[in-house]
């Protein structure tokens, strides 16, 4: 599902696929920032997609999972939100 969301969020368009860790980090950060903007505007569906795409690009980014959890919670998808919060917490503790 995350791979599909990544394509929907723009990772599969005419852009080059990020290959190096630095490229992946930059792409994930750009997706998180877009998710933050969507969240601020109340577009929680788009925010959840952007955060999920960031998590697909950089699987160990706790911010992507945390943002996704917040957006999913706003959408009433509580079980998925709990899982995303747990993943974010787990990744934060590994750092």
N, C-alpha and C. Protein backbone atom coordinates (compact mmCIF):
# COMPACT_ATOMS: atom_id res chain seq x y z
N UNK A 1 0.82 -1.18 0.00
CA UNK A 1 0.00 0.00 0.00
C UNK A 1 0.87 1.25 0.00
N UNK A 2 1.96 1.25 0.77
CA UNK A 2 2.83 2.43 0.80
C UNK A 2 3.41 2.71 -0.57
N UNK A 3 3.74 1.67 -1.32
CA UNK A 3 4.30 1.88 -2.67
C UNK A 3 3.27 2.54 -3.57
N UNK A 4 2.02 2.12 -3.47
CA UNK A 4 0.97 2.74 -4.27
C UNK A 4 0.81 4.20 -3.88
N UNK A 5 0.84 4.48 -2.58
CA UNK A 5 0.72 5.86 -2.14
C UNK A 5 1.90 6.70 -2.60
N UNK A 6 3.07 6.10 -2.66
CA UNK A 6 4.24 6.82 -3.14
C UNK A 6 4.07 7.23 -4.59
N UNK A 7 3.51 6.34 -5.39
CA UNK A 7 3.26 6.68 -6.80
C UNK A 7 2.23 7.80 -6.88
N UNK A 8 1.16 7.69 -6.09
CA UNK A 8 0.13 8.72 -6.09
C UNK A 8 0.66 10.06 -5.63
N UNK A 9 1.65 10.05 -4.75
CA UNK A 9 2.20 11.29 -4.20
C UNK A 9 3.27 11.91 -5.08
N UNK A 10 3.63 11.26 -6.15
CA UNK A 10 4.56 11.89 -7.06
C UNK A 10 5.89 11.21 -7.22
N UNK A 11 6.13 10.12 -6.54
CA UNK A 11 7.42 9.44 -6.67
C UNK A 11 7.55 8.71 -7.99
N UNK A 12 6.46 8.51 -8.71
CA UNK A 12 6.53 7.77 -9.94
C UNK A 12 6.33 8.61 -11.17
N UNK A 13 6.29 9.90 -11.01
CA UNK A 13 6.05 10.77 -12.16
C UNK A 13 7.33 10.98 -12.93
N UNK A 14 7.45 12.10 -13.61
CA UNK A 14 8.59 12.36 -14.46
C UNK A 14 9.86 12.68 -13.69
N UNK A 15 9.82 12.57 -12.39
CA UNK A 15 10.99 12.85 -11.57
C UNK A 15 11.87 11.61 -11.50
N UNK A 16 13.14 11.83 -11.26
CA UNK A 16 14.03 10.69 -11.06
C UNK A 16 13.77 10.09 -9.70
N UNK A 17 13.87 8.78 -9.64
CA UNK A 17 13.71 8.07 -8.37
C UNK A 17 14.95 8.33 -7.53
N UNK A 18 14.76 8.76 -6.26
CA UNK A 18 15.93 8.99 -5.41
C UNK A 18 16.66 7.69 -5.14
N UNK A 19 17.98 7.72 -5.31
CA UNK A 19 18.77 6.50 -5.16
C UNK A 19 19.73 6.54 -3.97
N UNK A 20 20.39 7.66 -3.77
CA UNK A 20 21.35 7.74 -2.67
C UNK A 20 20.61 8.07 -1.38
N UNK A 21 21.23 7.78 -0.24
CA UNK A 21 20.59 8.15 1.04
C UNK A 21 20.27 9.65 1.12
N UNK A 22 21.15 10.49 0.60
CA UNK A 22 20.90 11.93 0.64
C UNK A 22 19.70 12.31 -0.23
N UNK A 23 19.58 11.69 -1.41
CA UNK A 23 18.44 11.96 -2.28
C UNK A 23 17.14 11.48 -1.65
N UNK A 24 17.20 10.30 -1.02
CA UNK A 24 16.01 9.77 -0.35
C UNK A 24 15.59 10.68 0.81
N UNK A 25 16.56 11.14 1.58
CA UNK A 25 16.25 12.03 2.70
C UNK A 25 15.64 13.33 2.21
N UNK A 26 16.18 13.89 1.14
CA UNK A 26 15.66 15.15 0.60
C UNK A 26 14.25 14.95 0.06
N UNK A 27 14.00 13.85 -0.65
CA UNK A 27 12.67 13.58 -1.20
C UNK A 27 11.68 13.36 -0.07
N UNK A 28 12.07 12.59 0.93
CA UNK A 28 11.18 12.34 2.07
C UNK A 28 10.85 13.65 2.78
N UNK A 29 11.85 14.51 2.97
CA UNK A 29 11.61 15.78 3.64
C UNK A 29 10.65 16.66 2.84
N UNK A 30 10.82 16.67 1.51
CA UNK A 30 9.91 17.46 0.66
C UNK A 30 8.48 16.93 0.78
N UNK A 31 8.31 15.62 0.82
CA UNK A 31 6.98 15.03 0.98
C UNK A 31 6.39 15.34 2.35
N UNK A 32 7.23 15.30 3.38
CA UNK A 32 6.76 15.64 4.73
C UNK A 32 6.31 17.09 4.78
N UNK A 33 7.08 17.97 4.18
CA UNK A 33 6.71 19.39 4.17
C UNK A 33 5.40 19.60 3.42
N UNK A 34 5.20 18.90 2.31
CA UNK A 34 3.93 18.99 1.59
C UNK A 34 2.81 18.43 2.45
N UNK A 35 3.09 17.34 3.17
CA UNK A 35 2.09 16.79 4.09
C UNK A 35 1.75 17.76 5.20
N UNK A 36 2.75 18.45 5.72
CA UNK A 36 2.50 19.45 6.76
C UNK A 36 1.61 20.57 6.24
N UNK A 37 1.87 21.01 5.02
CA UNK A 37 1.05 22.07 4.42
C UNK A 37 -0.40 21.60 4.25
N UNK A 38 -0.56 20.39 3.73
CA UNK A 38 -1.91 19.84 3.54
C UNK A 38 -2.62 19.70 4.88
N UNK A 39 -1.90 19.23 5.89
CA UNK A 39 -2.49 19.07 7.22
C UNK A 39 -2.95 20.42 7.76
N UNK A 40 -2.11 21.42 7.62
CA UNK A 40 -2.45 22.76 8.10
C UNK A 40 -3.69 23.30 7.40
N UNK A 41 -3.86 22.94 6.15
CA UNK A 41 -5.01 23.40 5.36
C UNK A 41 -6.26 22.55 5.61
N UNK A 42 -6.10 21.50 6.41
CA UNK A 42 -7.23 20.63 6.72
C UNK A 42 -7.48 19.55 5.68
N UNK A 43 -6.57 19.37 4.75
CA UNK A 43 -6.69 18.33 3.72
C UNK A 43 -5.97 17.08 4.25
N UNK A 44 -6.64 16.38 5.16
CA UNK A 44 -6.02 15.27 5.86
C UNK A 44 -5.78 14.06 4.95
N UNK A 45 -6.61 13.89 3.96
CA UNK A 45 -6.41 12.79 3.01
C UNK A 45 -5.10 12.99 2.24
N UNK A 46 -4.93 14.19 1.70
CA UNK A 46 -3.69 14.48 0.97
C UNK A 46 -2.48 14.40 1.90
N UNK A 47 -2.65 14.90 3.12
CA UNK A 47 -1.56 14.85 4.09
C UNK A 47 -1.16 13.40 4.36
N UNK A 48 -2.14 12.53 4.58
CA UNK A 48 -1.84 11.13 4.85
C UNK A 48 -1.11 10.49 3.67
N UNK A 49 -1.51 10.84 2.46
CA UNK A 49 -0.83 10.30 1.27
C UNK A 49 0.61 10.78 1.20
N UNK A 50 0.85 12.05 1.48
CA UNK A 50 2.21 12.58 1.41
C UNK A 50 3.11 11.96 2.47
N UNK A 51 2.58 11.86 3.69
CA UNK A 51 3.37 11.24 4.76
C UNK A 51 3.66 9.77 4.45
N UNK A 52 2.67 9.06 3.90
CA UNK A 52 2.87 7.66 3.54
C UNK A 52 3.93 7.53 2.44
N UNK A 53 3.90 8.46 1.49
CA UNK A 53 4.90 8.44 0.43
C UNK A 53 6.29 8.69 1.01
N UNK A 54 6.38 9.61 1.97
CA UNK A 54 7.67 9.88 2.61
C UNK A 54 8.17 8.64 3.34
N UNK A 55 7.25 7.94 4.00
CA UNK A 55 7.62 6.70 4.70
C UNK A 55 8.05 5.61 3.73
N UNK A 56 7.50 5.62 2.54
CA UNK A 56 7.90 4.63 1.53
C UNK A 56 9.28 4.94 0.98
N UNK A 57 9.59 6.23 0.87
CA UNK A 57 10.89 6.64 0.34
C UNK A 57 11.98 6.40 1.38
N UNK A 58 11.70 6.79 2.62
CA UNK A 58 12.68 6.67 3.70
C UNK A 58 11.99 5.98 4.89
N UNK A 59 12.07 4.68 4.88
CA UNK A 59 11.29 3.85 5.82
C UNK A 59 11.61 4.09 7.30
N UNK A 60 12.80 4.65 7.58
CA UNK A 60 13.20 4.83 8.98
C UNK A 60 12.99 6.26 9.48
N UNK A 61 12.13 7.03 8.81
CA UNK A 61 11.90 8.43 9.20
C UNK A 61 10.70 8.50 10.15
N UNK A 62 10.95 8.74 11.44
CA UNK A 62 9.84 8.79 12.40
C UNK A 62 8.87 9.93 12.13
N UNK A 63 9.34 11.03 11.56
CA UNK A 63 8.46 12.17 11.29
C UNK A 63 7.40 11.80 10.26
N UNK A 64 7.76 11.02 9.27
CA UNK A 64 6.80 10.60 8.25
C UNK A 64 5.69 9.76 8.88
N UNK A 65 6.07 8.84 9.75
CA UNK A 65 5.09 7.98 10.40
C UNK A 65 4.23 8.77 11.39
N UNK A 66 4.83 9.72 12.08
CA UNK A 66 4.08 10.53 13.03
C UNK A 66 3.06 11.41 12.31
N UNK A 67 3.50 12.05 11.24
CA UNK A 67 2.58 12.88 10.46
C UNK A 67 1.44 12.05 9.90
N UNK A 68 1.77 10.87 9.40
CA UNK A 68 0.74 9.98 8.87
C UNK A 68 -0.25 9.61 9.97
N UNK A 69 0.25 9.34 11.16
CA UNK A 69 -0.63 8.99 12.28
C UNK A 69 -1.59 10.14 12.60
N UNK A 70 -1.07 11.36 12.63
CA UNK A 70 -1.93 12.51 12.93
C UNK A 70 -3.03 12.66 11.88
N UNK A 71 -2.65 12.54 10.61
CA UNK A 71 -3.63 12.68 9.52
C UNK A 71 -4.65 11.55 9.55
N UNK A 72 -4.19 10.33 9.77
CA UNK A 72 -5.11 9.20 9.84
C UNK A 72 -6.09 9.34 11.00
N UNK A 73 -5.60 9.86 12.11
CA UNK A 73 -6.48 10.08 13.26
C UNK A 73 -7.58 11.09 12.91
N UNK A 74 -7.21 12.15 12.22
CA UNK A 74 -8.19 13.15 11.80
C UNK A 74 -9.22 12.56 10.84
N UNK A 75 -8.81 11.54 10.08
CA UNK A 75 -9.72 10.87 9.14
C UNK A 75 -10.57 9.80 9.81
N UNK A 76 -10.35 9.59 11.12
CA UNK A 76 -11.11 8.59 11.85
C UNK A 76 -10.60 7.18 11.65
N UNK A 77 -9.42 7.04 11.12
CA UNK A 77 -8.82 5.73 10.88
C UNK A 77 -7.91 5.40 12.07
N UNK A 78 -8.55 5.19 13.22
CA UNK A 78 -7.86 5.11 14.50
C UNK A 78 -6.89 3.94 14.61
N UNK A 79 -7.26 2.77 14.13
CA UNK A 79 -6.37 1.60 14.23
C UNK A 79 -5.09 1.85 13.42
N UNK A 80 -5.23 2.38 12.21
CA UNK A 80 -4.07 2.68 11.39
C UNK A 80 -3.23 3.78 12.03
N UNK A 81 -3.91 4.75 12.63
CA UNK A 81 -3.20 5.84 13.31
C UNK A 81 -2.38 5.30 14.47
N UNK A 82 -2.97 4.41 15.27
CA UNK A 82 -2.23 3.82 16.40
C UNK A 82 -0.99 3.07 15.91
N UNK A 83 -1.13 2.35 14.83
CA UNK A 83 0.02 1.60 14.28
C UNK A 83 1.10 2.57 13.80
N UNK A 84 0.71 3.66 13.17
CA UNK A 84 1.69 4.64 12.69
C UNK A 84 2.36 5.35 13.87
N UNK A 85 1.59 5.68 14.91
CA UNK A 85 2.19 6.28 16.12
C UNK A 85 3.21 5.32 16.73
N UNK A 86 2.85 4.05 16.81
CA UNK A 86 3.75 3.05 17.39
C UNK A 86 5.02 2.93 16.57
N UNK A 87 4.90 2.94 15.26
CA UNK A 87 6.08 2.84 14.40
C UNK A 87 6.96 4.07 14.58
N UNK A 88 6.36 5.25 14.67
CA UNK A 88 7.13 6.47 14.88
C UNK A 88 7.89 6.41 16.20
N UNK A 89 7.21 5.96 17.24
CA UNK A 89 7.84 5.84 18.56
C UNK A 89 9.00 4.85 18.51
N UNK A 90 8.78 3.73 17.85
CA UNK A 90 9.82 2.70 17.72
C UNK A 90 11.05 3.25 16.99
N UNK A 91 10.83 3.97 15.92
CA UNK A 91 11.94 4.55 15.15
C UNK A 91 12.67 5.63 15.95
N UNK A 92 11.93 6.41 16.72
CA UNK A 92 12.55 7.46 17.54
C UNK A 92 13.44 6.84 18.60
N UNK A 93 13.00 5.74 19.19
CA UNK A 93 13.78 5.10 20.25
C UNK A 93 15.04 4.43 19.71
N UNK A 94 15.08 4.11 18.43
CA UNK A 94 16.25 3.49 17.82
C UNK A 94 17.36 4.50 17.56
N UNK A 95 17.03 5.77 17.59
CA UNK A 95 18.02 6.81 17.28
C UNK A 95 18.87 7.11 18.46
